Each structure stands twice: as structure tokens, then as C-alpha cells.
């Protein structure tokens, strides 16, 4: 198992069949709050992709998106998330989930 996700990372929710991609906007000890990438506008997605692997810019984008009231954000247990890397591989769940 790996460490908790951080703000600005993209994770997949592993408890659904489609593993929707989520931009992490907030993390606490047991949960991740984020926004579905499918809910983001095209320009925002372009800026997010262009910021890889610039973690600082990704965090700034995630913070700005997290403050936007128009987007639906939701919270899931950390163990239900898996990091999505650039090559779309999905390693095991973050700490706290079943392997």
C-alpha cells in the first residue's frame, strides 16, 4: 500500500466498475474530497494535463477548483482510491484499503 494521495493528484475510485477519475482537492486522515474530471471544463483539463509533473501548479489548480461552488465535490474513503499515473496504470489502493 502507498501513502495517502495529495492535493492535485488524480485518483480512481476503485469501488465502482468504471473507476471514475477524481482530482483531489482536500485530504484528511481517512477521506479524500475531490471533483470528477468529467465535470471539469475543457480548458481546465488542458491546464491540468499541461501541469504534469509540476506538483505545485497542480495543487494550486486543485485549490482553485475546490473553492468553486458550481462544481459537485464529494468525499470517499482513502482506501477506495488508487493513484492514476500518466501511463494510466492503477496500482493498489492507498493506505487503509484492501489489497
PDB file of N, CA and C in Angstrom:
ATOM      1  N   UNK A   1       0.839  -1.186   0.000  1.00  0.00           N
ATOM      2  CA  UNK A   1       0.000   0.000   0.000  1.00  0.00           C
ATOM      3  C   UNK A   1       0.880   1.244   0.000  1.00  0.00           C
ATOM      4  N   UNK A   2       0.376   2.315  -0.598  1.00  0.00           N
ATOM      5  CA  UNK A   2       1.138   3.546  -0.695  1.00  0.00           C
ATOM      6  C   UNK A   2       0.593   4.594   0.265  1.00  0.00           C
ATOM      7  N   UNK A   3       1.284   5.710   0.364  1.00  0.00           N
ATOM      8  CA  UNK A   3       0.852   6.801   1.231  1.00  0.00           C
ATOM      9  C   UNK A   3      -0.466   7.393   0.737  1.00  0.00           C
ATOM     10  N   UNK A   4      -1.029   8.268   1.555  1.00  0.00           N
ATOM     11  CA  UNK A   4      -2.266   8.961   1.169  1.00  0.00           C
ATOM     12  C   UNK A   4      -2.034   9.781  -0.095  1.00  0.00           C
ATOM     13  N   UNK A   5      -3.083   9.977  -0.897  1.00  0.00           N
ATOM     14  CA  UNK A   5      -2.964  10.879  -2.036  1.00  0.00           C
ATOM     15  C   UNK A   5      -2.776  12.305  -1.534  1.00  0.00           C
ATOM     16  N   UNK A   6      -2.274  13.176  -2.385  1.00  0.00           N
ATOM     17  CA  UNK A   6      -2.102  14.573  -2.016  1.00  0.00           C
ATOM     18  C   UNK A   6      -2.954  15.450  -2.923  1.00  0.00           C
ATOM     19  N   UNK A   7      -3.186  16.672  -2.478  1.00  0.00           N
ATOM     20  CA  UNK A   7      -3.955  17.636  -3.263  1.00  0.00           C
ATOM     21  C   UNK A   7      -3.274  17.819  -4.609  1.00  0.00           C
ATOM     22  N   UNK A   8      -4.070  17.761  -5.663  1.00  0.00           N
ATOM     23  CA  UNK A   8      -3.557  17.927  -7.017  1.00  0.00           C
ATOM     24  C   UNK A   8      -3.344  16.620  -7.752  1.00  0.00           C
ATOM     25  N   UNK A   9      -3.331  15.501  -7.018  1.00  0.00           N
ATOM     26  CA  UNK A   9      -3.185  14.209  -7.687  1.00  0.00           C
ATOM     27  C   UNK A   9      -4.519  13.771  -8.268  1.00  0.00           C
ATOM     28  N   UNK A  10      -4.445  12.908  -9.248  1.00  0.00           N
ATOM     29  CA  UNK A  10      -5.646  12.323  -9.844  1.00  0.00           C
ATOM     30  C   UNK A  10      -5.715  10.876  -9.381  1.00  0.00           C
ATOM     31  N   UNK A  11      -6.870  10.514  -8.836  1.00  0.00           N
ATOM     32  CA  UNK A  11      -7.063   9.152  -8.349  1.00  0.00           C
ATOM     33  C   UNK A  11      -8.286   8.540  -9.012  1.00  0.00           C
ATOM     34  N   UNK A  12      -8.347   7.229  -8.985  1.00  0.00           N
ATOM     35  CA  UNK A  12      -9.526   6.498  -9.446  1.00  0.00           C
ATOM     36  C   UNK A  12     -10.234   5.942  -8.229  1.00  0.00           C
ATOM     37  N   UNK A  13     -11.545   5.980  -8.244  1.00  0.00           N
ATOM     38  CA  UNK A  13     -12.331   5.384  -7.160  1.00  0.00           C
ATOM     39  C   UNK A  13     -12.513   3.917  -7.509  1.00  0.00           C
ATOM     40  N   UNK A  14     -11.899   3.061  -6.725  1.00  0.00           N
ATOM     41  CA  UNK A  14     -11.816   1.643  -7.073  1.00  0.00           C
ATOM     42  C   UNK A  14     -13.051   0.838  -6.702  1.00  0.00           C
ATOM     43  N   UNK A  15     -14.006   1.441  -6.015  1.00  0.00           N
ATOM     44  CA  UNK A  15     -15.194   0.692  -5.595  1.00  0.00           C
ATOM     45  C   UNK A  15     -16.329   0.772  -6.606  1.00  0.00           C
ATOM     46  N   UNK A  16     -16.079   1.374  -7.759  1.00  0.00           N
ATOM     47  CA  UNK A  16     -17.089   1.412  -8.819  1.00  0.00           C
ATOM     48  C   UNK A  16     -16.540   0.707 -10.047  1.00  0.00           C
ATOM     49  N   UNK A  17     -17.418   0.209 -10.884  1.00  0.00           N
ATOM     50  CA  UNK A  17     -16.993  -0.517 -12.081  1.00  0.00           C
ATOM     51  C   UNK A  17     -16.197   0.356 -13.043  1.00  0.00           C
ATOM     52  N   UNK A  18     -16.560   1.625 -13.159  1.00  0.00           N
ATOM     53  CA  UNK A  18     -15.914   2.489 -14.141  1.00  0.00           C
ATOM     54  C   UNK A  18     -14.667   3.190 -13.613  1.00  0.00           C
ATOM     55  N   UNK A  19     -14.366   3.080 -12.327  1.00  0.00           N
ATOM     56  CA  UNK A  19     -13.230   3.750 -11.704  1.00  0.00           C
ATOM     57  C   UNK A  19     -13.125   5.206 -12.154  1.00  0.00           C
ATOM     58  N   UNK A  20     -14.119   6.042 -11.818  1.00  0.00           N
ATOM     59  CA  UNK A  20     -14.088   7.443 -12.273  1.00  0.00           C
ATOM     60  C   UNK A  20     -12.854   8.163 -11.746  1.00  0.00           C
ATOM     61  N   UNK A  21     -12.323   9.066 -12.564  1.00  0.00           N
ATOM     62  CA  UNK A  21     -11.130   9.819 -12.191  1.00  0.00           C
ATOM     63  C   UNK A  21     -11.526  11.067 -11.420  1.00  0.00           C
ATOM     64  N   UNK A  22     -10.801  11.317 -10.339  1.00  0.00           N
ATOM     65  CA  UNK A  22     -11.113  12.411  -9.432  1.00  0.00           C
ATOM     66  C   UNK A  22      -9.860  13.255  -9.207  1.00  0.00           C
ATOM     67  N   UNK A  23     -10.006  14.563  -9.282  1.00  0.00           N
ATOM     68  CA  UNK A  23      -8.941  15.478  -8.912  1.00  0.00           C
ATOM     69  C   UNK A  23      -9.056  15.723  -7.412  1.00  0.00           C
ATOM     70  N   UNK A  24      -8.017  15.398  -6.666  1.00  0.00           N
ATOM     71  CA  UNK A  24      -8.034  15.530  -5.205  1.00  0.00           C
ATOM     72  C   UNK A  24      -7.920  17.007  -4.834  1.00  0.00           C
ATOM     73  N   UNK A  25      -8.912  17.499  -4.070  1.00  0.00           N
ATOM     74  CA  UNK A  25      -8.932  18.897  -3.628  1.00  0.00           C
ATOM     75  C   UNK A  25      -8.682  19.043  -2.131  1.00  0.00           C
ATOM     76  N   UNK A  26      -8.914  17.984  -1.363  1.00  0.00           N
ATOM     77  CA  UNK A  26      -8.705  18.021   0.087  1.00  0.00           C
ATOM     78  C   UNK A  26      -8.476  16.604   0.586  1.00  0.00           C
ATOM     79  N   UNK A  27      -7.583  16.447   1.551  1.00  0.00           N
ATOM     80  CA  UNK A  27      -7.286  15.136   2.134  1.00  0.00           C
ATOM     81  C   UNK A  27      -7.258  15.278   3.643  1.00  0.00           C
ATOM     82  N   UNK A  28      -7.923  14.355   4.349  1.00  0.00           N
ATOM     83  CA  UNK A  28      -7.740  14.268   5.792  1.00  0.00           C
ATOM     84  C   UNK A  28      -7.257  12.861   6.111  1.00  0.00           C
ATOM     85  N   UNK A  29      -7.279  12.459   7.367  1.00  0.00           N
ATOM     86  CA  UNK A  29      -6.710  11.169   7.751  1.00  0.00           C
ATOM     87  C   UNK A  29      -7.348   9.982   7.046  1.00  0.00           C
ATOM     88  N   UNK A  30      -8.657  10.018   6.846  1.00  0.00           N
ATOM     89  CA  UNK A  30      -9.365   8.849   6.336  1.00  0.00           C
ATOM     90  C   UNK A  30     -10.093   9.060   5.019  1.00  0.00           C
ATOM     91  N   UNK A  31     -10.207  10.296   4.547  1.00  0.00           N
ATOM     92  CA  UNK A  31     -11.033  10.576   3.376  1.00  0.00           C
ATOM     93  C   UNK A  31     -10.358  11.524   2.402  1.00  0.00           C
ATOM     94  N   UNK A  32     -10.795  11.434   1.162  1.00  0.00           N
ATOM     95  CA  UNK A  32     -10.348  12.316   0.087  1.00  0.00           C
ATOM     96  C   UNK A  32     -11.585  13.026  -0.443  1.00  0.00           C
ATOM     97  N   UNK A  33     -11.494  14.333  -0.635  1.00  0.00           N
ATOM     98  CA  UNK A  33     -12.569  15.094  -1.264  1.00  0.00           C
ATOM     99  C   UNK A  33     -12.041  15.612  -2.596  1.00  0.00           C
ATOM    100  N   UNK A  34     -12.849  15.441  -3.635  1.00  0.00           N
ATOM    101  CA  UNK A  34     -12.393  15.868  -4.950  1.00  0.00           C
ATOM    102  C   UNK A  34     -13.532  16.114  -5.907  1.00  0.00           C
ATOM    103  N   UNK A  35     -13.142  16.397  -7.140  1.00  0.00           N
ATOM    104  CA  UNK A  35     -14.082  16.706  -8.215  1.00  0.00           C
ATOM    105  C   UNK A  35     -13.834  15.728  -9.351  1.00  0.00           C
ATOM    106  N   UNK A  36     -14.901  15.191  -9.909  1.00  0.00           N
ATOM    107  CA  UNK A  36     -14.766  14.300 -11.063  1.00  0.00           C
ATOM    108  C   UNK A  36     -14.161  15.064 -12.236  1.00  0.00           C
ATOM    109  N   UNK A  37     -13.196  14.460 -12.895  1.00  0.00           N
ATOM    110  CA  UNK A  37     -12.601  15.111 -14.064  1.00  0.00           C
ATOM    111  C   UNK A  37     -13.643  15.336 -15.149  1.00  0.00           C
ATOM    112  N   UNK A  38     -14.616  14.452 -15.225  1.00  0.00           N
ATOM    113  CA  UNK A  38     -15.672  14.586 -16.227  1.00  0.00           C
ATOM    114  C   UNK A  38     -16.482  15.863 -16.016  1.00  0.00           C
ATOM    115  N   UNK A  39     -16.459  16.427 -14.807  1.00  0.00           N
ATOM    116  CA  UNK A  39     -17.211  17.646 -14.512  1.00  0.00           C
ATOM    117  C   UNK A  39     -16.421  18.923 -14.795  1.00  0.00           C
ATOM    118  N   UNK A  40     -15.146  18.791 -15.176  1.00  0.00           N
ATOM    119  CA  UNK A  40     -14.321  19.973 -15.412  1.00  0.00           C
ATOM    120  C   UNK A  40     -14.419  20.438 -16.862  1.00  0.00           C
ATOM    121  N   UNK A  41     -14.326  21.743 -17.038  1.00  0.00           N
ATOM    122  CA  UNK A  41     -14.358  22.320 -18.384  1.00  0.00           C
ATOM    123  C   UNK A  41     -13.084  21.939 -19.143  1.00  0.00           C
ATOM    124  N   UNK A  42     -13.182  21.960 -20.453  1.00  0.00           N
ATOM    125  CA  UNK A  42     -12.078  21.556 -21.322  1.00  0.00           C
ATOM    126  C   UNK A  42     -10.802  22.345 -21.042  1.00  0.00           C
ATOM    127  N   UNK A  43     -10.899  23.656 -20.874  1.00  0.00           N
ATOM    128  CA  UNK A  43      -9.714  24.482 -20.627  1.00  0.00           C
ATOM    129  C   UNK A  43      -9.038  24.096 -19.309  1.00  0.00           C
ATOM    130  N   UNK A  44      -9.828  23.818 -18.295  1.00  0.00           N
ATOM    131  CA  UNK A  44      -9.270  23.403 -17.007  1.00  0.00           C
ATOM    132  C   UNK A  44      -8.551  22.074 -17.147  1.00  0.00           C
ATOM    133  N   UNK A  45      -9.150  21.145 -17.874  1.00  0.00           N
ATOM    134  CA  UNK A  45      -8.495  19.859 -18.105  1.00  0.00           C
ATOM    135  C   UNK A  45      -7.186  20.044 -18.863  1.00  0.00           C
ATOM    136  N   UNK A  46      -7.173  20.929 -19.851  1.00  0.00           N
ATOM    137  CA  UNK A  46      -5.951  21.198 -20.606  1.00  0.00           C
ATOM    138  C   UNK A  46      -4.860  21.739 -19.684  1.00  0.00           C
ATOM    139  N   UNK A  47      -5.199  22.682 -18.822  1.00  0.00           N
ATOM    140  CA  UNK A  47      -4.228  23.250 -17.881  1.00  0.00           C
ATOM    141  C   UNK A  47      -3.730  22.194 -16.902  1.00  0.00           C
ATOM    142  N   UNK A  48      -4.616  21.316 -16.475  1.00  0.00           N
ATOM    143  CA  UNK A  48      -4.238  20.257 -15.547  1.00  0.00           C
ATOM    144  C   UNK A  48      -3.260  19.291 -16.205  1.00  0.00           C
ATOM    145  N   UNK A  49      -3.556  18.880 -17.433  1.00  0.00           N
ATOM    146  CA  UNK A  49      -2.657  17.967 -18.158  1.00  0.00           C
ATOM    147  C   UNK A  49      -1.308  18.636 -18.428  1.00  0.00           C
ATOM    148  N   UNK A  50      -1.319  19.910 -18.769  1.00  0.00           N
ATOM    149  CA  UNK A  50      -0.083  20.634 -19.073  1.00  0.00           C
ATOM    150  C   UNK A  50       0.792  20.815 -17.833  1.00  0.00           C
ATOM    151  N   UNK A  51       0.195  20.756 -16.660  1.00  0.00           N
ATOM    152  CA  UNK A  51       0.946  20.979 -15.425  1.00  0.00           C
ATOM    153  C   UNK A  51       1.711  19.746 -14.953  1.00  0.00           C
ATOM    154  N   UNK A  52       1.485  18.602 -15.569  1.00  0.00           N
ATOM    155  CA  UNK A  52       2.182  17.370 -15.186  1.00  0.00           C
ATOM    156  C   UNK A  52       3.648  17.489 -15.545  1.00  0.00           C
ATOM    157  N   UNK A  53       4.602  17.221 -14.719  1.00  0.00           N
ATOM    158  CA  UNK A  53       4.509  16.758 -13.332  1.00  0.00           C
ATOM    159  C   UNK A  53       4.705  17.877 -12.308  1.00  0.00           C
ATOM    160  N   UNK A  54       4.325  19.090 -12.622  1.00  0.00           N
ATOM    161  CA  UNK A  54       4.509  20.237 -11.736  1.00  0.00           C
ATOM    162  C   UNK A  54       3.504  20.182 -10.583  1.00  0.00           C
ATOM    163  N   UNK A  55       3.922  19.597  -9.476  1.00  0.00           N
ATOM    164  CA  UNK A  55       3.025  19.368  -8.333  1.00  0.00           C
ATOM    165  C   UNK A  55       2.499  20.674  -7.742  1.00  0.00           C
ATOM    166  N   UNK A  56       3.304  21.719  -7.733  1.00  0.00           N
ATOM    167  CA  UNK A  56       2.862  22.996  -7.159  1.00  0.00           C
ATOM    168  C   UNK A  56       1.717  23.583  -7.972  1.00  0.00           C
ATOM    169  N   UNK A  57       1.852  23.589  -9.286  1.00  0.00           N
ATOM    170  CA  UNK A  57       0.777  24.103 -10.139  1.00  0.00           C
ATOM    171  C   UNK A  57      -0.466  23.257 -10.000  1.00  0.00           C
ATOM    172  N   UNK A  58      -0.308  21.932  -9.917  1.00  0.00           N
ATOM    173  CA  UNK A  58      -1.470  21.043  -9.748  1.00  0.00           C
ATOM    174  C   UNK A  58      -2.192  21.334  -8.439  1.00  0.00           C
ATOM    175  N   UNK A  59      -1.438  21.560  -7.369  1.00  0.00           N
ATOM    176  CA  UNK A  59      -2.061  21.891  -6.078  1.00  0.00           C
ATOM    177  C   UNK A  59      -2.825  23.211  -6.173  1.00  0.00           C
ATOM    178  N   UNK A  60      -2.239  24.195  -6.849  1.00  0.00           N
ATOM    179  CA  UNK A  60      -2.902  25.490  -6.997  1.00  0.00           C
ATOM    180  C   UNK A  60      -4.201  25.345  -7.792  1.00  0.00           C
ATOM    181  N   UNK A  61      -4.165  24.573  -8.868  1.00  0.00           N
ATOM    182  CA  UNK A  61      -5.384  24.324  -9.646  1.00  0.00           C
ATOM    183  C   UNK A  61      -6.427  23.607  -8.800  1.00  0.00           C
ATOM    184  N   UNK A  62      -6.000  22.586  -8.070  1.00  0.00           N
ATOM    185  CA  UNK A  62      -6.934  21.827  -7.230  1.00  0.00           C
ATOM    186  C   UNK A  62      -7.545  22.718  -6.165  1.00  0.00           C
ATOM    187  N   UNK A  63      -6.746  23.603  -5.560  1.00  0.00           N
ATOM    188  CA  UNK A  63      -7.272  24.529  -4.555  1.00  0.00           C
ATOM    189  C   UNK A  63      -8.311  25.460  -5.163  1.00  0.00           C
ATOM    190  N   UNK A  64      -8.009  26.002  -6.347  1.00  0.00           N
ATOM    191  CA  UNK A  64      -8.946  26.909  -7.013  1.00  0.00           C
ATOM    192  C   UNK A  64     -10.238  26.191  -7.376  1.00  0.00           C
ATOM    193  N   UNK A  65     -10.113  24.994  -7.892  1.00  0.00           N
ATOM    194  CA  UNK A  65     -11.298  24.215  -8.271  1.00  0.00           C
ATOM    195  C   UNK A  65     -12.108  23.854  -7.031  1.00  0.00           C
ATOM    196  N   UNK A  66     -11.426  23.504  -5.943  1.00  0.00           N
ATOM    197  CA  UNK A  66     -12.104  23.146  -4.700  1.00  0.00           C
ATOM    198  C   UNK A  66     -12.914  24.289  -4.118  1.00  0.00           C
ATOM    199  N   UNK A  67     -12.541  25.522  -4.414  1.00  0.00           N
ATOM    200  CA  UNK A  67     -13.275  26.691  -3.902  1.00  0.00           C
ATOM    201  C   UNK A  67     -14.453  27.078  -4.791  1.00  0.00           C
ATOM    202  N   UNK A  68     -14.600  26.453  -5.921  1.00  0.00           N
ATOM    203  CA  UNK A  68     -15.672  26.794  -6.852  1.00  0.00           C
ATOM    204  C   UNK A  68     -16.966  26.110  -6.428  1.00  0.00           C
ATOM    205  N   UNK A  69     -17.967  26.892  -6.131  1.00  0.00           N
ATOM    206  CA  UNK A  69     -19.239  26.354  -5.640  1.00  0.00           C
ATOM    207  C   UNK A  69     -20.035  25.625  -6.711  1.00  0.00           C
ATOM    208  N   UNK A  70     -19.810  25.939  -7.984  1.00  0.00           N
ATOM    209  CA  UNK A  70     -20.612  25.361  -9.063  1.00  0.00           C
ATOM    210  C   UNK A  70     -20.305  23.885  -9.313  1.00  0.00           C
ATOM    211  N   UNK A  71     -19.150  23.419  -8.890  1.00  0.00           N
ATOM    212  CA  UNK A  71     -18.775  22.032  -9.144  1.00  0.00           C
ATOM    213  C   UNK A  71     -19.246  21.139  -8.008  1.00  0.00           C
ATOM    214  N   UNK A  72     -19.605  19.945  -8.347  1.00  0.00           N
ATOM    215  CA  UNK A  72     -20.005  18.965  -7.342  1.00  0.00           C
ATOM    216  C   UNK A  72     -18.760  18.260  -6.831  1.00  0.00           C
ATOM    217  N   UNK A  73     -18.471  18.411  -5.567  1.00  0.00           N
ATOM    218  CA  UNK A  73     -17.371  17.656  -4.991  1.00  0.00           C
ATOM    219  C   UNK A  73     -17.966  16.604  -4.073  1.00  0.00           C
ATOM    220  N   UNK A  74     -17.207  15.566  -3.826  1.00  0.00           N
ATOM    221  CA  UNK A  74     -17.686  14.516  -2.951  1.00  0.00           C
ATOM    222  C   UNK A  74     -16.498  13.916  -2.219  1.00  0.00           C
ATOM    223  N   UNK A  75     -16.811  13.190  -1.153  1.00  0.00           N
ATOM    224  CA  UNK A  75     -15.786  12.627  -0.291  1.00  0.00           C
ATOM    225  C   UNK A  75     -15.879  11.112  -0.302  1.00  0.00           C
ATOM    226  N   UNK A  76     -14.728  10.455  -0.410  1.00  0.00           N
ATOM    227  CA  UNK A  76     -14.660   8.992  -0.386  1.00  0.00           C
ATOM    228  C   UNK A  76     -13.556   8.563   0.573  1.00  0.00           C
ATOM    229  N   UNK A  77     -13.666   7.358   1.130  1.00  0.00           N
ATOM    230  CA  UNK A  77     -12.590   6.856   1.988  1.00  0.00           C
ATOM    231  C   UNK A  77     -11.288   6.720   1.200  1.00  0.00           C
ATOM    232  N   UNK A  78     -10.188   7.042   1.862  1.00  0.00           N
ATOM    233  CA  UNK A  78      -8.877   6.957   1.215  1.00  0.00           C
ATOM    234  C   UNK A  78      -8.625   5.574   0.639  1.00  0.00           C
ATOM    235  N   UNK A  79      -9.055   4.537   1.326  1.00  0.00           N
ATOM    236  CA  UNK A  79      -8.835   3.172   0.870  1.00  0.00           C
ATOM    237  C   UNK A  79      -9.565   2.810  -0.406  1.00  0.00           C
ATOM    238  N   UNK A  80     -10.509   3.656  -0.821  1.00  0.00           N
ATOM    239  CA  UNK A  80     -11.260   3.406  -2.054  1.00  0.00           C
ATOM    240  C   UNK A  80     -10.636   4.112  -3.257  1.00  0.00           C
ATOM    241  N   UNK A  81      -9.430   4.671  -3.082  1.00  0.00           N
ATOM    242  CA  UNK A  81      -8.766   5.423  -4.138  1.00  0.00           C
ATOM    243  C   UNK A  81      -7.463   4.750  -4.558  1.00  0.00           C
ATOM    244  N   UNK A  82      -7.163   4.843  -5.839  1.00  0.00           N
ATOM    245  CA  UNK A  82      -5.875   4.375  -6.358  1.00  0.00           C
ATOM    246  C   UNK A  82      -5.305   5.482  -7.226  1.00  0.00           C
ATOM    247  N   UNK A  83      -4.016   5.741  -7.081  1.00  0.00           N
ATOM    248  CA  UNK A  83      -3.357   6.768  -7.867  1.00  0.00           C
ATOM    249  C   UNK A  83      -3.393   6.400  -9.344  1.00  0.00           C
ATOM    250  N   UNK A  84      -3.693   7.379 -10.176  1.00  0.00           N
ATOM    251  CA  UNK A  84      -3.672   7.181 -11.622  1.00  0.00           C
ATOM    252  C   UNK A  84      -2.430   7.885 -12.138  1.00  0.00           C
ATOM    253  N   UNK A  85      -1.520   7.114 -12.683  1.00  0.00           N
ATOM    254  CA  UNK A  85      -0.286   7.696 -13.190  1.00  0.00           C
ATOM    255  C   UNK A  85      -0.449   8.065 -14.643  1.00  0.00           C
ATOM    256  N   UNK A  86       0.513   8.755 -15.182  1.00  0.00           N
ATOM    257  CA  UNK A  86       0.446   9.241 -16.560  1.00  0.00           C
ATOM    258  C   UNK A  86       0.195   8.121 -17.557  1.00  0.00           C
ATOM    259  N   UNK A  87       0.734   6.920 -17.295  1.00  0.00           N
ATOM    260  CA  UNK A  87       0.542   5.806 -18.223  1.00  0.00           C
ATOM    261  C   UNK A  87      -0.757   5.056 -17.962  1.00  0.00           C
ATOM    262  N   UNK A  88      -1.607   5.627 -17.122  1.00  0.00           N
ATOM    263  CA  UNK A  88      -2.924   5.067 -16.789  1.00  0.00           C
ATOM    264  C   UNK A  88      -2.864   3.764 -16.005  1.00  0.00           C
ATOM    265  N   UNK A  89      -1.701   3.416 -15.464  1.00  0.00           N
ATOM    266  CA  UNK A  89      -1.649   2.231 -14.609  1.00  0.00           C
ATOM    267  C   UNK A  89      -2.361   2.555 -13.312  1.00  0.00           C
ATOM    268  N   UNK A  90      -2.952   1.571 -12.710  1.00  0.00           N
ATOM    269  CA  UNK A  90      -3.651   1.772 -11.450  1.00  0.00           C
ATOM    270  C   UNK A  90      -3.081   0.812 -10.413  1.00  0.00           C
ATOM    271  N   UNK A  91      -2.144   1.325  -9.592  1.00  0.00           N
ATOM    272  CA  UNK A  91      -1.596   0.472  -8.537  1.00  0.00           C
ATOM    273  C   UNK A  91      -2.647   0.173  -7.491  1.00  0.00           C
ATOM    274  N   UNK A  92      -2.303  -0.549  -6.472  1.00  0.00           N
ATOM    275  CA  UNK A  92      -3.244  -0.905  -5.410  1.00  0.00           C
ATOM    276  C   UNK A  92      -3.767   0.321  -4.669  1.00  0.00           C
ATOM    277  N   UNK A  93      -4.732   0.099  -3.782  1.00  0.00           N
ATOM    278  CA  UNK A  93      -5.339   1.193  -3.050  1.00  0.00           C
ATOM    279  C   UNK A  93      -4.329   1.910  -2.152  1.00  0.00           C
ATOM    280  N   UNK A  94      -4.685   3.145  -1.792  1.00  0.00           N
ATOM    281  CA  UNK A  94      -3.871   3.849  -0.816  1.00  0.00           C
ATOM    282  C   UNK A  94      -4.046   3.201   0.540  1.00  0.00           C
ATOM    283  N   UNK A  95      -3.219   3.594   1.482  1.00  0.00           N
ATOM    284  CA  UNK A  95      -3.260   3.091   2.845  1.00  0.00           C
ATOM    285  C   UNK A  95      -4.687   2.970   3.356  1.00  0.00           C
ATOM    286  N   UNK A  96      -4.985   1.883   3.999  1.00  0.00           N
ATOM    287  CA  UNK A  96      -6.283   1.717   4.614  1.00  0.00           C
ATOM    288  C   UNK A  96      -7.250   0.874   3.817  1.00  0.00           C
ATOM    289  N   UNK A  97      -6.977   0.623   2.566  1.00  0.00           N
ATOM    290  CA  UNK A  97      -7.883  -0.176   1.743  1.00  0.00           C
ATOM    291  C   UNK A  97      -7.444  -1.612   1.689  1.00  0.00           C
ATOM    292  N   UNK A  98      -8.322  -2.456   1.187  1.00  0.00           N
ATOM    293  CA  UNK A  98      -7.972  -3.871   0.999  1.00  0.00           C
ATOM    294  C   UNK A  98      -7.084  -3.979  -0.225  1.00  0.00           C
ATOM    295  N   UNK A  99      -6.124  -4.856  -0.162  1.00  0.00           N
ATOM    296  CA  UNK A  99      -5.179  -5.006  -1.277  1.00  0.00           C
ATOM    297  C   UNK A  99      -5.768  -5.689  -2.458  1.00  0.00           C
TER     298      UNK A  99
END
